[in-house]
Amino acid sequence: MKNYKIALLPGDGIGPEVTAEAVKVVDAAGSRHGFQMQWIRYPFGAAHYNKTGEIFPDSVLAEMRLCDAMMLGAVGDPSVKPGILERGILLKLRFHFDQYINLRPACSYESVPCPVPLSKGVRIDSVVVRENTEDFYMGIGMTTQKGGADVPFQAERGLYKLTGHLSAKFVPDCEAALQIGALTRPGVERVTRHAFDLAQKRGEKEVVLASKANAVPFLYGFLDEETKRVAATYPNMALKIQNVDALCYHLARNPAGYGVILCPNLFGDIVSDLLSALTGGLGLGAGGNIGDSLSMFEPVHGSAPDIAGTGKANPLAAILCAAMMLDHIGESAGAKSIQDAVTSYLGESGAAQRPIELGGSASCHTVGDGVAKKIE
């Protein structure tokens, strides 16, 4: 029996509830397909921070590097100022392990109503390939004091270390804020190659790039040109560049008309949430932060503190994340078992067994049990 070490950070809000069901389902798949997980749990999140003042110690990063993959529930809580946990845990993990791809599939299920009616036999089967370490998520910016400011900055990525000085003065004086985005040739190249390789694997002939070069020419004009350069090395594939606003418009009108969508960091965050809504809700949105070192899998939905502890959380996104994780570490049969079990569960269950988010009345625990039984 194969053994894997998986770092597990349940986090905040509904994170512990949904990850508990994902663990249950993975263990069921392991029993069926001959692998076993050693779950290494970490306490970091709002409760730990409020109790100890500790966000995420650097020493833990070395421990996690020895794991085969990581599952994250969610981080963020009203008791902690926005950005502290998100930057101190989530973005720290993404940047330290250079998880340069954020992969967010979006699939519709025949039994789950979509807000946009689909023709019989037609389904949404898209995936957002989001660049995960650059763009406006660099963490470089400032707010002015009495109209001006002058601050040093630095940002370290797997590809490079960026240092500099940011200086600004507004005349007349006014309070203001500045945020800097950055893209690099190697950063754009590796995410573009991932998108085209994935499209080829899926049997598709086109990749759609979400951009906005007409309004942000330096940043996204560079993105367009570098993406075209890489796309030219795939002679049997096409690149279609769409302004992100037009892309969202067309997704809402014809969501089944897209396959692989390549996005810079900011746009990918938005487009993937739109696709989650179009396929039934955030509770079905899985995500993977993929790199050449430790990769991390997390639901799209966030911590949802308003329903934490009520049993209303939909664990299917976390369960589908677990399937992505298994596929990533080479347990493709186990991954397919989970995906098939989710499809079967949604297709065969009545309202009493479906998640509350999808119009049913089943608790988070009940849904997890139901999917696990389908695998067994």
Protein backbone atom coordinates (compact mmCIF):
# COMPACT_ATOMS: atom_id res chain seq x y z
CA MET A 1 0.00 0.00 0.00
CA LYS A 2 1.38 3.40 -0.99
CA ASN A 3 1.68 6.00 1.76
CA TYR A 4 1.51 9.76 1.38
CA LYS A 5 2.13 12.64 3.79
CA ILE A 6 -0.47 15.37 3.40
CA ALA A 7 -0.29 18.70 5.23
CA LEU A 8 -3.78 19.65 6.42
CA LEU A 9 -4.64 23.19 7.48
CA PRO A 10 -8.41 23.31 8.18
CA GLY A 11 -8.29 27.04 8.95
CA ASP A 12 -11.28 29.21 9.78
CA GLY A 13 -15.06 29.31 9.51
CA ILE A 14 -16.41 26.33 7.59
CA GLY A 15 -12.87 25.18 6.74
CA PRO A 16 -12.67 22.53 9.48
CA GLU A 17 -16.14 21.20 8.55
CA VAL A 18 -15.55 20.79 4.83
CA THR A 19 -12.01 19.45 5.15
CA ALA A 20 -13.23 16.79 7.60
CA GLU A 21 -15.56 15.48 4.87
CA ALA A 22 -12.80 15.66 2.24
CA VAL A 23 -10.51 13.62 4.50
CA LYS A 24 -13.27 11.04 4.96
CA VAL A 25 -13.75 10.73 1.19
CA VAL A 26 -10.01 10.49 0.44
CA ASP A 27 -9.61 7.76 3.04
CA ALA A 28 -12.49 5.87 1.41
CA ALA A 29 -10.79 6.18 -1.99
CA GLY A 30 -7.52 5.02 -0.44
CA SER A 31 -9.15 1.91 0.99
CA ARG A 32 -10.55 1.06 -2.42
CA HIS A 33 -7.45 1.80 -4.50
CA GLY A 34 -4.61 0.79 -2.21
CA PHE A 35 -3.10 3.96 -0.80
CA GLN A 36 -3.02 5.55 2.63
CA MET A 37 -2.74 9.13 3.85
CA GLN A 38 -0.81 10.41 6.83
CA TRP A 39 -2.64 13.65 7.61
CA ILE A 40 -0.37 16.18 9.33
CA ARG A 41 -2.61 18.81 10.91
CA TYR A 42 -1.69 22.45 11.50
CA PRO A 43 -3.67 24.86 13.73
CA PHE A 44 -3.00 28.17 12.01
CA GLY A 45 -5.84 30.58 11.43
CA ALA A 46 -7.94 33.13 13.31
CA ALA A 47 -8.39 31.18 16.55
CA HIS A 48 -4.67 30.45 16.80
CA TYR A 49 -3.75 34.05 15.97
CA ASN A 50 -6.20 35.52 18.49
CA LYS A 51 -4.89 33.19 21.18
CA THR A 52 -1.15 33.39 20.54
CA GLY A 53 -0.49 36.35 18.21
CA GLU A 54 1.27 33.93 15.85
CA ILE A 55 0.26 33.92 12.18
CA PHE A 56 2.45 31.31 10.48
CA PRO A 57 6.01 30.55 11.62
CA ASP A 58 8.72 30.12 8.99
CA SER A 59 9.84 26.87 10.63
CA VAL A 60 6.65 25.16 9.46
CA LEU A 61 7.54 25.77 5.82
CA ALA A 62 10.48 23.36 6.08
CA GLU A 63 8.20 20.70 7.58
CA MET A 64 5.61 21.14 4.85
CA ARG A 65 8.22 20.79 2.12
CA LEU A 66 8.57 17.12 3.13
CA CYS A 67 4.87 16.49 2.39
CA ASP A 68 3.48 15.19 -0.90
CA ALA A 69 0.72 17.83 -1.05
CA MET A 70 -1.34 20.15 1.12
CA MET A 71 -5.05 20.70 1.73
CA LEU A 72 -6.31 24.05 3.01
CA GLY A 73 -9.83 24.66 4.30
CA ALA A 74 -10.08 28.45 4.30
CA VAL A 75 -8.58 31.45 6.10
CA GLY A 76 -10.25 34.66 7.22
CA ASP A 77 -12.50 35.70 10.09
CA PRO A 78 -14.23 38.95 11.15
CA SER A 79 -12.26 38.90 14.41
CA VAL A 80 -9.04 39.55 12.49
CA LYS A 81 -8.37 42.58 10.29
CA PRO A 82 -8.73 41.65 6.59
CA GLY A 83 -5.44 40.80 4.93
CA ILE A 84 -3.51 39.63 7.99
CA LEU A 85 -4.36 35.94 7.66
CA GLU A 86 -4.80 35.99 3.89
CA ARG A 87 -1.35 37.46 3.31
CA GLY A 88 0.29 35.83 6.31
CA ILE A 89 -0.88 32.29 5.49
CA LEU A 90 -2.42 31.86 2.05
CA LEU A 91 -0.19 34.16 0.01
CA LYS A 92 2.86 33.24 2.07
CA LEU A 93 2.36 29.59 1.13
CA ARG A 94 1.75 30.39 -2.54
CA PHE A 95 4.84 32.57 -2.84
CA HIS A 96 7.22 30.47 -0.71
CA PHE A 97 6.49 27.27 -2.63
CA ASP A 98 6.23 29.19 -5.92
CA GLN A 99 2.76 27.84 -6.66
CA TYR A 100 2.60 29.72 -9.92
CA ILE A 101 -0.55 28.08 -11.30
CA ASN A 102 -3.98 28.48 -9.75
CA LEU A 103 -6.12 25.84 -11.44
CA ARG A 104 -9.89 26.26 -11.10
CA PRO A 105 -12.12 23.83 -13.02
CA ALA A 106 -15.81 24.58 -13.49
CA CYS A 107 -18.16 21.75 -14.45
CA SER A 108 -21.93 21.68 -14.52
CA TYR A 109 -23.93 18.71 -13.25
CA GLU A 110 -27.12 17.58 -14.93
CA SER A 111 -28.93 17.48 -11.61
CA VAL A 112 -27.81 20.94 -10.44
CA PRO A 113 -29.78 23.90 -11.83
CA CYS A 114 -27.73 26.54 -13.63
CA PRO A 115 -28.78 30.22 -13.62
CA VAL A 116 -28.30 30.21 -17.40
CA PRO A 117 -30.40 27.47 -19.02
CA LEU A 118 -28.36 24.94 -20.99
CA SER A 119 -29.62 22.92 -23.93
CA LYS A 120 -30.25 19.25 -23.24
CA GLY A 121 -27.01 17.30 -23.36
CA VAL A 122 -24.87 20.46 -23.18
CA ARG A 123 -22.68 21.03 -20.13
CA ILE A 124 -20.13 23.51 -18.89
CA ASP A 125 -16.63 22.04 -18.78
CA SER A 126 -14.16 24.90 -18.38
CA VAL A 127 -10.98 25.44 -16.45
CA VAL A 128 -9.38 28.73 -15.48
CA VAL A 129 -5.57 28.66 -15.58
CA ARG A 130 -4.73 31.64 -13.39
CA GLU A 131 -1.23 33.03 -12.97
CA ASN A 132 -0.75 32.90 -9.22
CA THR A 133 2.30 34.93 -8.15
CA GLU A 134 2.39 38.21 -10.14
CA ASP A 135 0.03 40.93 -11.45
CA PHE A 136 -1.59 43.11 -8.76
CA TYR A 137 -1.03 40.46 -6.07
CA MET A 138 2.63 41.40 -5.72
CA GLY A 139 1.93 43.16 -2.42
CA ILE A 140 3.66 46.35 -3.55
CA GLY A 141 1.92 49.61 -2.75
CA MET A 142 1.43 52.46 -0.32
CA THR A 143 -0.97 55.01 1.04
CA THR A 144 0.11 58.63 1.04
CA GLN A 145 0.55 60.76 4.11
CA LYS A 146 -0.47 64.38 3.54
CA GLY A 147 -0.33 63.91 -0.20
CA GLY A 148 2.98 62.11 -0.58
CA ALA A 149 5.04 59.11 0.44
CA ASP A 150 8.35 57.46 -0.30
CA VAL A 151 8.73 53.79 0.64
CA PRO A 152 11.12 50.96 -0.26
CA PHE A 153 9.68 47.64 -1.41
CA GLN A 154 10.77 44.13 -2.15
CA ALA A 155 9.05 40.98 -3.35
CA GLU A 156 10.61 37.55 -3.63
CA ARG A 157 9.35 34.87 -6.01
CA GLY A 158 10.69 31.55 -7.18
CA LEU A 159 11.92 33.19 -10.38
CA TYR A 160 13.43 36.39 -8.98
CA LYS A 161 13.77 38.93 -6.20
CA LEU A 162 12.36 42.38 -6.93
CA THR A 163 13.55 45.44 -5.01
CA GLY A 164 12.92 49.14 -5.48
CA HIS A 165 11.56 52.41 -4.19
CA LEU A 166 8.06 53.80 -4.61
CA SER A 167 7.74 57.56 -4.40
CA ALA A 168 4.73 59.76 -5.09
CA LYS A 169 3.53 63.31 -4.44
CA PHE A 170 0.04 64.67 -5.12
CA VAL A 171 -0.41 68.42 -5.70
CA PRO A 172 -2.52 69.71 -4.09
CA ASP A 173 -2.16 67.34 -1.15
CA CYS A 174 -4.74 64.57 -0.93
CA GLU A 175 -4.93 61.22 0.74
CA ALA A 176 -4.36 58.50 -1.88
CA ALA A 177 -3.26 54.93 -2.41
CA LEU A 178 -1.07 53.27 -5.04
CA GLN A 179 -0.79 49.56 -5.87
CA ILE A 180 1.79 48.19 -8.28
CA GLY A 181 1.31 45.19 -10.56
CA ALA A 182 4.15 43.37 -12.29
CA LEU A 183 4.48 40.68 -14.95
CA THR A 184 7.70 39.05 -16.17
CA ARG A 185 8.55 37.16 -19.34
CA PRO A 186 9.34 33.88 -17.51
CA GLY A 187 6.23 34.26 -15.34
CA VAL A 188 3.94 34.70 -18.35
CA GLU A 189 5.71 31.97 -20.32
CA ARG A 190 5.32 29.21 -17.77
CA VAL A 191 1.62 29.85 -17.12
CA THR A 192 0.92 30.09 -20.86
CA ARG A 193 2.67 26.77 -21.51
CA HIS A 194 0.64 25.18 -18.74
CA ALA A 195 -2.58 26.45 -20.31
CA PHE A 196 -1.71 25.22 -23.80
CA ASP A 197 -0.47 21.85 -22.57
CA LEU A 198 -3.69 21.42 -20.60
CA ALA A 199 -5.83 22.37 -23.60
CA GLN A 200 -4.01 19.78 -25.71
CA LYS A 201 -4.52 17.15 -23.02
CA ARG A 202 -8.25 17.98 -23.01
CA GLY A 203 -8.39 17.63 -26.81
CA GLU A 204 -9.06 21.33 -27.42
CA LYS A 205 -7.68 23.53 -30.18
CA GLU A 206 -7.91 26.96 -28.52
CA VAL A 207 -6.92 28.87 -25.39
CA VAL A 208 -8.74 32.08 -24.48
CA LEU A 209 -6.70 34.81 -22.76
CA ALA A 210 -8.51 37.28 -20.50
CA SER A 211 -6.79 40.65 -20.87
CA LYS A 212 -7.40 44.42 -20.85
CA ALA A 213 -4.55 45.89 -22.87
CA ASN A 214 -6.67 48.76 -24.19
CA ALA A 215 -7.02 50.25 -20.69
CA VAL A 216 -3.85 48.95 -18.99
CA PRO A 217 -1.40 48.89 -21.91
CA PHE A 218 1.91 48.53 -20.12
CA LEU A 219 0.94 45.56 -17.97
CA TYR A 220 -1.59 43.74 -20.14
CA GLY A 221 -0.10 44.83 -23.45
CA PHE A 222 3.04 43.04 -22.30
CA LEU A 223 0.88 40.06 -21.30
CA ASP A 224 -0.71 39.89 -24.76
CA GLU A 225 2.60 40.02 -26.62
CA GLU A 226 4.36 37.47 -24.42
CA THR A 227 1.39 35.11 -24.61
CA LYS A 228 1.36 35.40 -28.41
CA ARG A 229 5.08 34.59 -28.48
CA VAL A 230 4.59 31.37 -26.53
CA ALA A 231 1.39 30.46 -28.38
CA ALA A 232 3.31 30.55 -31.66
CA THR A 233 5.27 27.49 -30.50
CA TYR A 234 2.02 25.47 -30.55
CA PRO A 235 1.33 25.34 -34.31
CA ASN A 236 -1.87 23.33 -34.04
CA MET A 237 -3.40 25.53 -31.35
CA ALA A 238 -5.09 28.94 -31.51
CA LEU A 239 -4.93 31.85 -29.07
CA LYS A 240 -7.98 34.06 -28.68
CA ILE A 241 -7.54 37.28 -26.69
CA GLN A 242 -10.66 38.78 -25.15
CA ASN A 243 -11.06 41.82 -22.96
CA VAL A 244 -12.06 40.51 -19.57
CA ASP A 245 -15.31 42.52 -19.51
CA ALA A 246 -16.37 41.07 -22.87
CA LEU A 247 -15.36 37.60 -21.67
CA CYS A 248 -17.62 37.89 -18.62
CA TYR A 249 -20.46 39.09 -20.84
CA HIS A 250 -20.12 36.12 -23.17
CA LEU A 251 -19.67 33.65 -20.32
CA ALA A 252 -23.00 34.74 -18.86
CA ARG A 253 -24.70 34.31 -22.24
CA ASN A 254 -22.97 31.11 -23.36
CA PRO A 255 -21.10 29.52 -20.46
CA ALA A 256 -20.70 26.18 -22.24
CA GLY A 257 -18.77 27.83 -25.07
CA TYR A 258 -15.42 27.93 -23.28
CA GLY A 259 -12.71 25.42 -22.42
CA VAL A 260 -9.33 26.58 -21.12
CA ILE A 261 -9.30 30.23 -20.04
CA LEU A 262 -5.89 31.75 -19.29
CA CYS A 263 -5.96 34.69 -16.86
CA PRO A 264 -3.59 37.03 -15.06
CA ASN A 265 -3.93 36.86 -11.30
CA LEU A 266 -6.61 39.51 -10.68
CA PHE A 267 -8.88 38.56 -13.57
CA GLY A 268 -8.56 34.86 -12.81
CA ASP A 269 -9.84 35.43 -9.30
CA ILE A 270 -12.97 37.10 -10.69
CA VAL A 271 -13.64 34.93 -13.75
CA SER A 272 -13.39 31.69 -11.77
CA ASP A 273 -15.99 32.91 -9.25
CA LEU A 274 -18.32 33.81 -12.12
CA LEU A 275 -17.91 30.30 -13.51
CA SER A 276 -18.62 28.83 -10.07
CA ALA A 277 -21.91 30.73 -9.99
CA LEU A 278 -22.77 29.55 -13.49
CA THR A 279 -22.19 25.91 -12.56
CA GLY A 280 -24.30 25.95 -9.41
CA GLY A 281 -22.47 27.80 -6.66
CA LEU A 282 -19.18 28.38 -4.88
CA GLY A 283 -19.74 25.17 -2.95
CA LEU A 284 -18.81 23.27 -6.13
CA GLY A 285 -15.70 25.36 -6.88
CA ALA A 286 -12.44 23.49 -6.41
CA GLY A 287 -8.98 25.03 -6.73
CA GLY A 288 -5.40 23.90 -6.86
CA ASN A 289 -2.26 25.99 -6.32
CA ILE A 290 0.29 24.14 -8.41
CA GLY A 291 4.04 24.49 -8.47
CA ASP A 292 7.19 22.43 -8.88
CA SER A 293 7.49 21.96 -5.10
CA LEU A 294 4.61 21.56 -2.63
CA SER A 295 1.20 22.10 -4.24
CA MET A 296 -1.83 23.18 -2.22
CA PHE A 297 -5.51 22.45 -2.82
CA GLU A 298 -8.30 24.67 -1.48
CA PRO A 299 -11.98 25.36 -2.18
CA VAL A 300 -12.82 28.64 -3.89
CA HIS A 301 -15.57 29.58 -1.42
CA GLY A 302 -13.60 31.04 1.51
CA SER A 303 -14.35 30.70 5.21
CA ALA A 304 -18.07 31.74 5.19
CA PRO A 305 -18.11 32.58 8.93
CA ASP A 306 -21.83 33.38 8.83
CA ILE A 307 -22.71 29.68 8.44
CA ALA A 308 -19.81 28.12 10.37
CA GLY A 309 -21.02 25.52 12.84
CA THR A 310 -24.55 25.38 11.43
CA GLY A 311 -24.04 22.31 9.22
CA LYS A 312 -25.12 24.33 6.16
CA ALA A 313 -21.73 24.27 4.45
CA ASN A 314 -21.44 22.43 1.15
CA PRO A 315 -18.39 20.11 1.33
CA LEU A 316 -18.39 19.18 -2.36
CA ALA A 317 -15.83 21.84 -3.34
CA ALA A 318 -13.40 20.51 -0.72
CA ILE A 319 -14.12 16.95 -1.85
CA LEU A 320 -13.46 17.89 -5.48
CA CYS A 321 -10.23 19.58 -4.33
CA ALA A 322 -9.26 16.24 -2.82
CA ALA A 323 -9.80 14.61 -6.21
CA MET A 324 -7.53 17.23 -7.82
CA MET A 325 -4.92 16.51 -5.17
CA LEU A 326 -5.03 12.75 -5.80
CA ASP A 327 -4.65 13.29 -9.53
CA HIS A 328 -1.69 15.59 -8.87
CA ILE A 329 0.20 13.01 -6.76
CA GLY A 330 -0.44 10.26 -9.30
CA GLU A 331 -3.49 8.51 -7.80
CA SER A 332 -5.65 9.10 -10.87
CA ALA A 333 -7.90 6.10 -10.22
CA GLY A 334 -8.72 7.41 -6.76
CA ALA A 335 -9.36 10.87 -8.19
CA LYS A 336 -11.77 9.47 -10.76
CA SER A 337 -13.58 7.49 -8.06
CA ILE A 338 -14.23 10.71 -6.15
CA GLN A 339 -15.35 12.63 -9.23
CA ASP A 340 -17.67 9.79 -10.28
CA ALA A 341 -19.03 9.52 -6.74
CA VAL A 342 -19.89 13.25 -6.66
CA THR A 343 -21.63 13.01 -10.04
CA SER A 344 -23.53 9.90 -8.97
CA TYR A 345 -24.47 11.37 -5.60
CA LEU A 346 -25.87 14.56 -7.11
CA GLY A 347 -27.66 12.68 -9.86
CA GLU A 348 -29.29 10.05 -7.67
CA SER A 349 -30.03 11.92 -4.45
CA GLY A 350 -33.31 13.52 -3.57
CA ALA A 351 -33.68 16.90 -1.90
CA ALA A 352 -33.11 15.42 1.55
CA GLN A 353 -29.60 14.29 0.53
CA ARG A 354 -28.47 17.34 -1.42
CA PRO A 355 -26.46 20.21 0.09
CA ILE A 356 -28.53 23.14 1.36
CA GLU A 357 -26.72 25.44 -1.09
CA LEU A 358 -28.12 23.36 -3.96
CA GLY A 359 -31.71 23.49 -2.71
CA GLY A 360 -31.60 20.40 -0.50
CA SER A 361 -31.67 19.92 3.24
CA ALA A 362 -28.63 17.70 3.90
CA SER A 363 -25.99 18.75 6.40
CA CYS A 364 -22.30 18.99 5.54
CA HIS A 365 -21.69 15.71 7.37
CA THR A 366 -24.54 13.92 5.57
CA VAL A 367 -23.22 14.91 2.14
CA GLY A 368 -19.70 13.73 3.00
CA ASP A 369 -21.04 10.40 4.22
CA GLY A 370 -23.09 10.00 1.05
CA VAL A 371 -20.15 10.58 -1.29
CA ALA A 372 -17.89 8.28 0.74
CA LYS A 373 -20.47 5.48 0.54
CA LYS A 374 -20.63 5.84 -3.23
CA ILE A 375 -16.88 5.20 -3.35
CA GLU A 376 -17.05 2.23 -0.98
